[in-house]
Protein backbone atom coordinates (compact mmCIF):
# COMPACT_ATOMS: atom_id res chain seq x y z
CA UNK A 1 0.05 0.45 -0.34
CA UNK A 2 1.20 3.75 -0.71
CA UNK A 3 2.02 5.85 1.68
CA UNK A 4 -0.01 9.30 1.52
CA UNK A 5 1.82 11.34 3.91
CA UNK A 6 5.15 11.89 2.13
CA UNK A 7 5.98 14.09 -0.74
CA UNK A 8 5.85 12.12 -3.91
CA UNK A 9 7.84 12.79 -7.60
CA UNK A 10 7.73 11.47 -11.04
CA UNK A 11 7.74 12.62 -14.09
CA UNK A 12 4.50 13.19 -15.85
CA UNK A 13 4.78 13.21 -19.58
CA UNK A 14 5.59 9.85 -21.33
CA UNK A 15 9.70 8.46 -22.00
CA UNK A 16 11.46 9.42 -24.62
CA UNK A 17 12.34 13.36 -26.02
CA UNK A 18 9.83 15.53 -27.15
CA UNK A 19 9.15 19.39 -26.92
CA UNK A 20 8.26 19.62 -22.88
CA UNK A 21 8.44 17.56 -20.12
CA UNK A 22 6.56 17.66 -16.89
CA UNK A 23 7.92 16.85 -13.21
CA UNK A 24 4.76 16.37 -11.12
CA UNK A 25 5.57 16.89 -6.85
CA UNK A 26 2.90 16.11 -4.69
CA UNK A 27 2.72 16.23 -0.88
CA UNK A 28 3.01 18.37 1.85
CA UNK A 29 6.01 19.55 1.51
CA UNK A 30 5.26 20.46 -2.53
CA UNK A 31 5.43 23.81 -1.76
CA UNK A 32 8.59 23.90 0.21
CA UNK A 33 10.77 21.26 -2.32
CA UNK A 34 9.26 23.53 -6.01
CA UNK A 35 10.88 26.70 -4.03
CA UNK A 36 14.36 25.34 -3.32
CA UNK A 37 14.81 23.78 -7.12
CA UNK A 38 13.54 27.17 -8.20
CA UNK A 39 15.66 30.36 -8.41
CA UNK A 40 12.28 31.93 -7.90
CA UNK A 41 12.31 32.93 -4.19
CA UNK A 42 8.91 34.37 -3.77
CA UNK A 43 5.71 31.62 -3.01
CA UNK A 44 4.39 30.40 -6.03
CA UNK A 45 1.07 31.79 -7.01
CA UNK A 46 -1.84 29.46 -6.83
CA UNK A 47 -3.04 28.29 -10.57
CA UNK A 48 -0.49 30.79 -12.08
CA UNK A 49 2.24 29.85 -14.30
CA UNK A 50 5.80 31.20 -13.49
CA UNK A 51 8.85 31.62 -15.62
CA UNK A 52 11.74 30.61 -13.57
CA UNK A 53 15.56 28.53 -13.65
CA UNK A 54 16.17 25.05 -12.50
CA UNK A 55 18.71 25.18 -9.86
CA UNK A 56 21.60 22.45 -9.21
CA UNK A 57 22.35 23.38 -5.31
CA UNK A 58 24.93 20.87 -5.61
CA UNK A 59 27.16 22.46 -7.39
CA UNK A 60 29.91 25.38 -6.36
CA UNK A 61 27.97 28.13 -8.26
CA UNK A 62 24.56 27.11 -8.28
CA UNK A 63 24.46 26.69 -11.72
CA UNK A 64 21.14 26.49 -13.53
CA UNK A 65 19.57 23.53 -15.75
CA UNK A 66 17.10 24.52 -17.27
CA UNK A 67 14.38 27.10 -17.62
CA UNK A 68 11.05 26.20 -16.76
CA UNK A 69 7.60 27.14 -15.84
CA UNK A 70 6.26 25.72 -12.62
CA UNK A 71 2.61 26.12 -11.61
CA UNK A 72 1.32 25.54 -8.24
CA UNK A 73 -2.27 23.68 -7.65
CA UNK A 74 -2.85 23.92 -3.48
CA UNK A 75 -4.93 21.41 -2.01
CA UNK A 76 -7.80 20.25 -1.70
CA UNK A 77 -8.34 21.57 -4.85
CA UNK A 78 -5.67 19.79 -6.77
CA UNK A 79 -5.95 16.61 -8.83
CA UNK A 80 -4.49 14.92 -6.16
CA UNK A 81 -6.19 16.90 -3.26
CA UNK A 82 -2.57 17.18 -1.65
CA UNK A 83 -0.64 20.54 -2.62
CA UNK A 84 0.70 19.51 -6.12
CA UNK A 85 3.24 21.85 -8.32
CA UNK A 86 4.01 20.69 -11.62
CA UNK A 87 7.38 21.95 -13.81
CA UNK A 88 7.11 22.06 -17.05
CA UNK A 89 10.70 21.87 -18.50
CA UNK A 90 12.51 21.04 -21.99
CA UNK A 91 11.63 17.25 -22.93
CA UNK A 92 15.25 16.22 -22.58
CA UNK A 93 15.14 12.80 -20.67
CA UNK A 94 18.62 13.81 -18.88
CA UNK A 95 17.22 17.18 -17.92
CA UNK A 96 13.84 15.63 -16.67
CA UNK A 97 15.63 12.90 -14.59
CA UNK A 98 17.61 15.34 -12.87
CA UNK A 99 14.95 17.46 -11.47
CA UNK A 100 13.86 14.46 -10.30
CA UNK A 101 16.66 13.55 -8.32
CA UNK A 102 17.60 16.74 -7.16
CA UNK A 103 13.95 16.64 -5.99
CA UNK A 104 14.44 13.48 -4.02
CA UNK A 105 17.54 14.71 -2.57
CA UNK A 106 15.62 17.71 -0.54
CA UNK A 107 12.99 15.19 0.88
CA UNK A 108 10.81 13.64 -1.87
CA UNK A 109 9.94 10.34 -2.80
CA UNK A 110 9.81 8.85 -6.24
CA UNK A 111 6.31 8.00 -6.65
CA UNK A 112 4.69 4.42 -7.58
CA UNK A 113 2.84 3.69 -10.43
CA UNK A 114 -0.86 5.10 -10.02
CA UNK A 115 0.26 6.64 -6.83
CA UNK A 116 -0.93 10.34 -7.85
CA UNK A 117 -4.10 9.54 -9.14
CA UNK A 118 -4.19 7.11 -5.73
CA UNK A 119 -3.89 9.90 -3.58
CA UNK A 120 -6.86 11.54 -5.85
CA UNK A 121 -9.04 8.51 -4.79
CA UNK A 122 -8.02 8.76 -0.98
CA UNK A 123 -8.93 12.23 -0.73
CA UNK A 124 -12.07 12.18 -1.97
CA UNK A 125 -11.25 13.62 -5.33
CA UNK A 126 -12.19 10.09 -7.37
CA UNK A 127 -13.86 7.57 -7.03
CA UNK A 128 -12.60 3.74 -7.89
CA UNK A 129 -14.38 3.95 -10.87
CA UNK A 130 -13.50 7.17 -11.84
CA UNK A 131 -9.92 6.33 -11.32
CA UNK A 132 -10.08 3.52 -13.46
CA UNK A 133 -10.83 5.53 -15.95
CA UNK A 134 -7.84 7.29 -15.59
CA UNK A 135 -6.03 4.24 -16.78
CA UNK A 136 -8.52 3.41 -19.72
CA UNK A 137 -8.44 7.19 -20.87
CA UNK A 138 -4.43 6.81 -20.69
CA UNK A 139 -4.40 3.26 -22.56
CA UNK A 140 -7.00 4.79 -25.17
CA UNK A 141 -6.18 4.00 -28.99
CA UNK A 142 -9.29 5.30 -30.63
CA UNK A 143 -11.08 8.16 -30.25
CA UNK A 144 -14.32 6.30 -29.04
CA UNK A 145 -12.34 5.06 -26.52
CA UNK A 146 -11.28 7.64 -25.16
CA UNK A 147 -14.75 9.31 -24.87
CA UNK A 148 -16.32 6.64 -23.27
CA UNK A 149 -13.39 6.55 -20.69
CA UNK A 150 -13.90 10.07 -20.69
CA UNK A 151 -17.63 9.83 -19.64
CA UNK A 152 -16.35 7.20 -17.09
CA UNK A 153 -14.30 9.92 -15.53
CA UNK A 154 -16.64 12.40 -15.46
CA UNK A 155 -19.03 10.18 -13.50
CA UNK A 156 -21.61 9.08 -15.86
CA UNK A 157 -21.31 5.36 -14.36
CA UNK A 158 -20.65 6.81 -11.01
CA UNK A 159 -23.90 8.79 -11.10
CA UNK A 160 -26.22 5.72 -12.60
CA UNK A 161 -24.89 3.84 -9.72
CA UNK A 162 -25.29 6.07 -6.90
CA UNK A 163 -28.71 6.91 -8.09
CA UNK A 164 -29.72 3.26 -7.60
CA UNK A 165 -27.95 2.91 -4.40
CA UNK A 166 -29.51 5.81 -3.40
CA UNK A 167 -33.22 4.68 -4.10
CA UNK A 168 -32.08 0.95 -2.51
CA UNK A 169 -30.45 2.98 1.03
CA UNK A 170 -34.25 4.81 1.00
CA UNK A 171 -35.90 1.47 1.08
CA UNK A 172 -33.30 -0.67 3.48
CA UNK A 173 -33.82 2.57 5.83
CA UNK A 174 -37.99 1.97 5.30
CA UNK A 175 -37.85 -1.82 5.92
CA UNK A 176 -35.07 -1.39 9.15
CA UNK A 177 -37.96 1.25 10.34
CA UNK A 178 -40.52 -1.40 10.32
CA UNK A 179 -38.35 -4.06 11.70
CA UNK A 180 -37.96 -1.74 14.88
CA UNK A 181 -41.16 -0.97 15.73
CA UNK A 182 -43.11 -4.34 15.45
CA UNK A 183 -45.28 -4.28 18.25
CA UNK A 184 -46.15 -0.75 17.54
CA UNK A 185 -47.80 -1.42 14.43
CA UNK A 186 -45.87 0.56 12.54
CA UNK A 187 -45.75 -0.09 8.38
CA UNK A 188 -43.26 1.92 6.46
CA UNK A 189 -43.68 -0.01 3.72
CA UNK A 190 -45.81 -2.52 2.43
CA UNK A 191 -45.41 -5.66 0.77
CA UNK A 192 -46.04 -5.54 -2.67
CA UNK A 193 -44.18 -2.40 -2.52
CA UNK A 194 -41.52 -3.76 -1.55
CA UNK A 195 -41.60 -6.53 -4.44
CA UNK A 196 -42.06 -3.95 -6.85
CA UNK A 197 -39.33 -1.33 -5.60
CA UNK A 198 -36.69 -3.96 -5.56
CA UNK A 199 -38.09 -5.24 -9.33
CA UNK A 200 -37.62 -2.07 -10.39
CA UNK A 201 -34.08 -1.11 -9.31
CA UNK A 202 -32.72 -4.73 -10.64
CA UNK A 203 -34.27 -4.17 -13.69
CA UNK A 204 -32.20 -0.93 -13.53
CA UNK A 205 -29.06 -3.12 -12.74
CA UNK A 206 -29.67 -5.18 -15.39
CA UNK A 207 -30.47 -2.32 -17.70
CA UNK A 208 -26.39 -0.76 -17.13
CA UNK A 209 -25.66 -4.73 -17.60
CA UNK A 210 -27.28 -4.54 -21.19
CA UNK A 211 -24.54 -3.23 -22.77
CA UNK A 212 -21.68 -4.90 -21.02
CA UNK A 213 -20.82 -6.64 -23.94
CA UNK A 214 -20.36 -3.87 -25.84
CA UNK A 215 -18.46 -1.71 -24.04
CA UNK A 216 -15.86 -4.13 -23.23
CA UNK A 217 -15.79 -4.58 -26.87
CA UNK A 218 -14.85 -1.24 -26.83
CA UNK A 219 -12.91 -1.03 -24.34
CA UNK A 220 -10.78 -3.96 -24.59
CA UNK A 221 -11.44 -4.22 -28.54
CA UNK A 222 -11.76 -7.47 -30.53
CA UNK A 223 -10.41 -10.22 -32.59
CA UNK A 224 -12.07 -10.40 -36.21
CA UNK A 225 -11.14 -13.05 -37.90
CA UNK A 226 -11.29 -13.78 -42.01
CA UNK A 227 -12.47 -17.13 -43.03
CA UNK A 228 -13.23 -19.09 -46.22
CA UNK A 229 -11.77 -21.67 -48.63
CA UNK A 230 -8.61 -21.06 -50.39
CA UNK A 231 -8.42 -18.45 -53.52
CA UNK A 232 -11.63 -16.83 -52.94
CA UNK A 233 -9.66 -13.47 -51.69
CA UNK A 234 -9.14 -13.45 -48.01
CA UNK A 235 -6.02 -11.61 -47.99
CA UNK A 236 -7.24 -9.13 -50.18
CA UNK A 237 -10.29 -8.06 -48.79
CA UNK A 238 -7.22 -8.89 -45.75
CA UNK A 239 -5.22 -6.12 -47.25
CA UNK A 240 -7.69 -3.55 -48.57
CA UNK A 241 -9.19 -3.42 -45.11
CA UNK A 242 -6.16 -2.60 -43.20
CA UNK A 243 -4.39 -0.47 -46.29
CA UNK A 244 -1.46 -2.23 -47.24
CA UNK A 245 -0.25 -4.84 -48.72
CA UNK A 246 0.55 -7.50 -45.90
CA UNK A 247 -0.47 -10.78 -46.57
CA UNK A 248 0.79 -12.12 -49.84
CA UNK A 249 -1.93 -12.64 -52.78
CA UNK A 250 -1.06 -15.13 -55.32
CA UNK A 251 -3.33 -16.90 -57.85
CA UNK A 252 -2.02 -19.93 -56.47
CA UNK A 253 -4.68 -21.92 -53.66
CA UNK A 254 -3.41 -22.06 -50.11
CA UNK A 255 -1.21 -19.59 -50.28
CA UNK A 256 -1.99 -18.53 -46.78
CA UNK A 257 -0.18 -20.67 -44.42
CA UNK A 258 -0.09 -18.94 -40.79
CA UNK A 259 -2.02 -16.17 -39.34
CA UNK A 260 -1.51 -12.76 -40.32
CA UNK A 261 -3.04 -9.87 -38.43
CA UNK A 262 -2.68 -6.13 -38.05
CA UNK A 263 -4.95 -3.81 -36.03
CA UNK A 264 -7.06 -1.68 -37.17
CA UNK A 265 -9.54 1.67 -36.30
CA UNK A 266 -12.61 0.59 -36.89
CA UNK A 267 -14.91 3.32 -36.78
CA UNK A 268 -13.55 3.96 -33.11
CA UNK A 269 -13.56 0.19 -32.06
CA UNK A 270 -9.72 -1.51 -32.15
CA UNK A 271 -10.00 -3.98 -34.36
CA UNK A 272 -7.69 -7.17 -34.59
CA UNK A 273 -7.83 -8.37 -37.73
CA UNK A 274 -6.88 -11.85 -38.39
CA UNK A 275 -6.89 -13.40 -42.09
CA UNK A 276 -6.04 -17.37 -42.14
CA UNK A 277 -5.23 -19.99 -44.22
CA UNK A 278 -8.20 -21.07 -46.39
CA UNK A 279 -10.19 -23.96 -44.83
CA UNK A 280 -10.37 -26.97 -46.57
CA UNK A 281 -9.27 -30.56 -46.64
CA UNK A 282 -5.73 -30.90 -47.08
CA UNK A 283 -2.42 -33.84 -47.55
CA UNK A 284 -0.10 -31.05 -47.23
CA UNK A 285 1.29 -30.95 -43.23
CA UNK A 286 2.18 -27.16 -43.55
CA UNK A 287 -1.52 -26.09 -44.80
CA UNK A 288 -3.16 -28.77 -42.61
CA UNK A 289 -1.47 -26.71 -39.54
CA UNK A 290 -2.78 -23.70 -41.07
CA UNK A 291 -5.64 -24.87 -41.55
CA UNK A 292 -6.14 -25.73 -37.91
CA UNK A 293 -4.90 -22.33 -36.64
CA UNK A 294 -7.62 -20.85 -38.52
CA UNK A 295 -10.16 -22.69 -36.39
CA UNK A 296 -8.95 -22.49 -33.03
CA UNK A 297 -8.77 -18.24 -34.38
CA UNK A 298 -12.58 -19.08 -34.63
CA UNK A 299 -12.69 -20.21 -31.57
CA UNK A 300 -11.46 -16.61 -29.98
CA UNK A 301 -13.06 -14.32 -32.39
CA UNK A 302 -15.44 -11.73 -31.53
CA UNK A 303 -16.83 -12.04 -35.02
CA UNK A 304 -16.00 -13.23 -38.34
CA UNK A 305 -15.84 -12.14 -41.64
CA UNK A 306 -17.06 -15.16 -44.31
CA UNK A 307 -15.28 -14.58 -47.45
CA UNK A 308 -16.99 -16.31 -50.47
CA UNK A 309 -16.30 -15.90 -54.19
CA UNK A 310 -18.71 -13.91 -56.07
CA UNK A 311 -17.37 -14.76 -59.21
CA UNK A 312 -17.67 -18.85 -59.00
CA UNK A 313 -20.07 -21.15 -57.88
CA UNK A 314 -20.79 -21.89 -53.92
CA UNK A 315 -19.18 -25.45 -53.41
CA UNK A 316 -19.31 -27.69 -50.65
CA UNK A 317 -15.97 -26.05 -49.30
CA UNK A 318 -18.32 -22.72 -48.83
CA UNK A 319 -21.34 -24.32 -46.92
CA UNK A 320 -18.82 -26.04 -44.36
CA UNK A 321 -17.42 -22.86 -43.61
CA UNK A 322 -20.56 -21.35 -43.53
CA UNK A 323 -21.99 -23.84 -41.37
CA UNK A 324 -18.57 -23.23 -38.79
CA UNK A 325 -19.48 -19.94 -38.55
CA UNK A 326 -22.96 -20.40 -38.11
CA UNK A 327 -23.00 -20.04 -34.13
CA UNK A 328 -20.65 -17.02 -34.23
CA UNK A 329 -21.90 -13.23 -35.36
CA UNK A 330 -20.47 -12.57 -38.49
CA UNK A 331 -20.56 -10.75 -41.97
CA UNK A 332 -20.84 -12.35 -45.47
CA UNK A 333 -18.36 -11.02 -47.64
CA UNK A 334 -19.42 -11.13 -51.49
CA UNK A 335 -15.78 -10.95 -53.46
CA UNK A 336 -14.76 -10.27 -57.13
CA UNK A 337 -18.11 -8.67 -57.87
CA UNK A 338 -15.64 -6.86 -60.10
CA UNK A 339 -15.46 -9.84 -62.32
CA UNK A 340 -18.82 -11.71 -61.73
CA UNK A 341 -20.89 -12.55 -64.53
CA UNK A 342 -25.10 -11.50 -65.01
CA UNK A 343 -25.91 -14.73 -64.43
CA UNK A 344 -23.97 -15.16 -60.87
CA UNK A 345 -25.84 -17.10 -57.58
CA UNK A 346 -28.32 -15.19 -55.84
CA UNK A 347 -27.65 -14.06 -52.54
CA UNK A 348 -30.63 -16.79 -51.74
CA UNK A 349 -28.56 -19.15 -52.80
CA UNK A 350 -26.92 -18.90 -49.67
CA UNK A 351 -29.99 -19.57 -47.30
CA UNK A 352 -28.83 -17.67 -44.31
CA UNK A 353 -30.73 -16.58 -41.56
CA UNK A 354 -32.49 -12.85 -42.64
CA UNK A 355 -30.06 -11.10 -39.66
CA UNK A 356 -27.04 -12.35 -41.48
CA UNK A 357 -25.10 -9.35 -42.72
CA UNK A 358 -24.48 -10.21 -46.61
CA UNK A 359 -22.05 -7.37 -48.47
CA UNK A 360 -21.04 -7.61 -51.59
CA UNK A 361 -17.47 -6.08 -52.20
CA UNK A 362 -14.68 -5.97 -54.31
CA UNK A 363 -11.13 -6.10 -53.07
CA UNK A 364 -9.82 -5.14 -56.05
CA UNK A 365 -11.44 -1.89 -56.86
CA UNK A 366 -12.55 -0.76 -53.30
CA UNK A 367 -16.62 -1.14 -53.77
CA UNK A 368 -18.24 -1.86 -50.93
CA UNK A 369 -15.44 -2.05 -48.42
CA UNK A 370 -16.93 1.30 -46.25
CA UNK A 371 -20.57 -1.24 -46.23
CA UNK A 372 -18.21 -3.89 -44.93
CA UNK A 373 -16.49 -2.22 -42.15
CA UNK A 374 -19.98 -0.20 -41.27
CA UNK A 375 -21.54 -4.14 -41.17
CA UNK A 376 -18.60 -5.17 -39.42
CA UNK A 377 -18.47 -2.78 -36.57
CA UNK A 378 -22.37 -2.38 -36.41
CA UNK A 379 -22.15 -6.45 -35.69
CA UNK A 380 -19.36 -5.92 -32.80
CA UNK A 381 -21.12 -2.85 -31.16
CA UNK A 382 -24.05 -2.14 -31.98
CA UNK A 383 -26.04 1.17 -32.70
CA UNK A 384 -24.12 4.65 -32.08
CA UNK A 385 -22.44 5.13 -28.54
CA UNK A 386 -24.13 8.20 -27.86
CA UNK A 387 -22.31 11.07 -25.38
CA UNK A 388 -23.21 10.49 -21.77
CA UNK A 389 -24.22 7.67 -22.20
CA UNK A 390 -23.12 5.28 -18.98
CA UNK A 391 -20.94 2.23 -20.37
CA UNK A 392 -20.37 -0.07 -18.45
CA UNK A 393 -16.97 -2.59 -20.13
CA UNK A 394 -14.79 -3.28 -17.15
CA UNK A 395 -14.93 -6.80 -15.98
CA UNK A 396 -14.87 -5.82 -12.46
CA UNK A 397 -17.61 -3.97 -12.86
CA UNK A 398 -19.60 -6.32 -14.34
CA UNK A 399 -18.90 -8.96 -11.82
CA UNK A 400 -20.11 -6.77 -9.01
CA UNK A 401 -23.56 -5.60 -11.04
CA UNK A 402 -24.34 -8.86 -11.20
CA UNK A 403 -23.86 -10.08 -8.01
CA UNK A 404 -25.76 -6.75 -7.16
CA UNK A 405 -28.93 -8.39 -9.57
CA UNK A 406 -28.40 -11.59 -7.99
CA UNK A 407 -28.92 -10.35 -4.48
CA UNK A 408 -32.19 -8.30 -5.73
CA UNK A 409 -33.81 -11.16 -7.32
CA UNK A 410 -32.96 -13.57 -4.25
CA UNK A 411 -34.87 -10.36 -2.20
CA UNK A 412 -37.48 -10.58 -4.64
CA UNK A 413 -37.71 -13.21 -4.21
CA UNK A 414 -38.28 -14.10 -0.78
CA UNK A 415 -40.52 -11.37 -0.44
CA UNK A 416 -42.91 -12.87 -2.59
CA UNK A 417 -42.61 -15.73 -0.88
CA UNK A 418 -43.29 -13.71 2.89
CA UNK A 419 -40.36 -13.77 4.00
CA UNK A 420 -39.85 -11.36 7.00
CA UNK A 421 -37.90 -8.13 6.84
CA UNK A 422 -34.47 -9.73 8.42
CA UNK A 423 -34.92 -12.04 5.16
CA UNK A 424 -35.16 -9.49 2.55
CA UNK A 425 -32.53 -6.87 4.50
CA UNK A 426 -30.06 -9.61 4.58
CA UNK A 427 -29.88 -9.72 0.90
CA UNK A 428 -30.64 -6.09 -0.04
CA UNK A 429 -27.32 -5.36 2.45
CA UNK A 430 -25.51 -7.97 -0.17
CA UNK A 431 -26.38 -5.38 -3.39
CA UNK A 432 -25.74 -2.69 -1.77
CA UNK A 433 -22.02 -4.17 -0.60
CA UNK A 434 -21.63 -5.24 -4.22
CA UNK A 435 -22.16 -1.64 -5.01
CA UNK A 436 -20.01 -0.03 -2.18
CA UNK A 437 -17.03 -2.36 -3.58
CA UNK A 438 -18.32 -1.06 -7.24
CA UNK A 439 -17.25 2.67 -6.26
CA UNK A 440 -14.69 1.93 -3.42
CA UNK A 441 -16.57 2.96 -0.04
CA UNK A 442 -15.49 -0.42 0.83
CA UNK A 443 -13.32 -2.29 -1.30
CA UNK A 444 -10.57 -4.68 -0.28
CA UNK A 445 -7.20 -3.53 -0.25
CA UNK A 446 -5.43 -5.93 -2.39
CA UNK A 447 -8.42 -5.13 -4.99
CA UNK A 448 -7.76 -1.39 -4.60
CA UNK A 449 -3.42 -2.21 -5.09
CA UNK A 450 -4.09 -4.35 -8.21
CA UNK A 451 -6.16 -1.84 -10.11
CA UNK A 452 -3.39 0.54 -9.12
CA UNK A 453 -0.53 -1.23 -10.23
CA UNK A 454 -1.42 -1.01 -13.99
CA UNK A 455 -1.14 2.69 -14.13
CA UNK A 456 1.78 4.24 -15.60
CA UNK A 457 4.28 6.02 -13.02
CA UNK A 458 3.49 9.72 -12.96
CA UNK A 459 -0.29 9.44 -13.34
């Protein structure tokens, strides 16, 4: 566990060279230490950028080593809730490391990963859900990931959970009041109202969980595998979607022998796109291994693009691929429409369920590729994710919401069975405990430590 009472320091900008680098100090001695480092001897004005120089007092002449801009953020109105000073220096790793070393020589301690945000959590600046959003925002690789993380940081998930917990607390209070005055005949809530209220609360929890699959795909990214028999143009479709010639394309069937992958931004969703060997029965040992790996990739794929050759007739190998992917989220891409004859087989010949997306494309000309991208994205995350909409995608959050939903279901059942308030209250308190663990009001220390261990140093 981090020590919350000392003064910590770290470089808050990414490793490497840049135009600027920021050194952050936080703790009771942050202002004093900053004054010792700077040749600006007057106290720093709150939230006022001050141009100064870093002085290395260890040299005989107290030489200045860099010109900087220092900004003071007094607690409790700072990011961490403690006194904070941020020093913007030139982005040389040597300079930044020297500033940190001088601060440590003056009494600061090098910050652990996530320690600044941990202090914000301890000081009530952020709850645990918002703290986790900080890490998600730093790790975001697509605009949609960043937006969802920022909405969580702004409190959309916290507010939704808080509203449910407030109504749950009110119901618990009324049940406890009835329990406290059994002999006086006071009934602060009727049994029918209790069952109805619990049902409404559970519906709201289920509503949050309804978008959790989509939320996880947005937060964590997903795998989309391109499948089909040999020589239908899988690698050409793969190259067209990623925008480069990663996979080898030839007229020889069975060219692809291994999995080839690349990460693309599919309208805000981080997708690892995987090209695979053509699925067929073969006596070639190397190709057979490629087919086996393609089937393994299918087993863990979030979605599949099944490529069929629109210019050739449907074969048993095509139908085998369609059958193998029947239980998976998929889009069927009818490739080579630029060379398909007018008499080519109709879509109806596929005999697919009506919900299956079928898109005609030409990997060679690019025709239909935008529609294919849209169809794949829609199959992964559904409709547009609106701003300020609570999106639950963190597995910890999902697990605790499922626990709360189960406790509310138990409470609803025992209420309908005519159980006394004690039994109902026990289940309702279990639901409240799950909400409190989610926001950090009562989360085990090992869970908190695990959450902050994944942060980068300086955040």
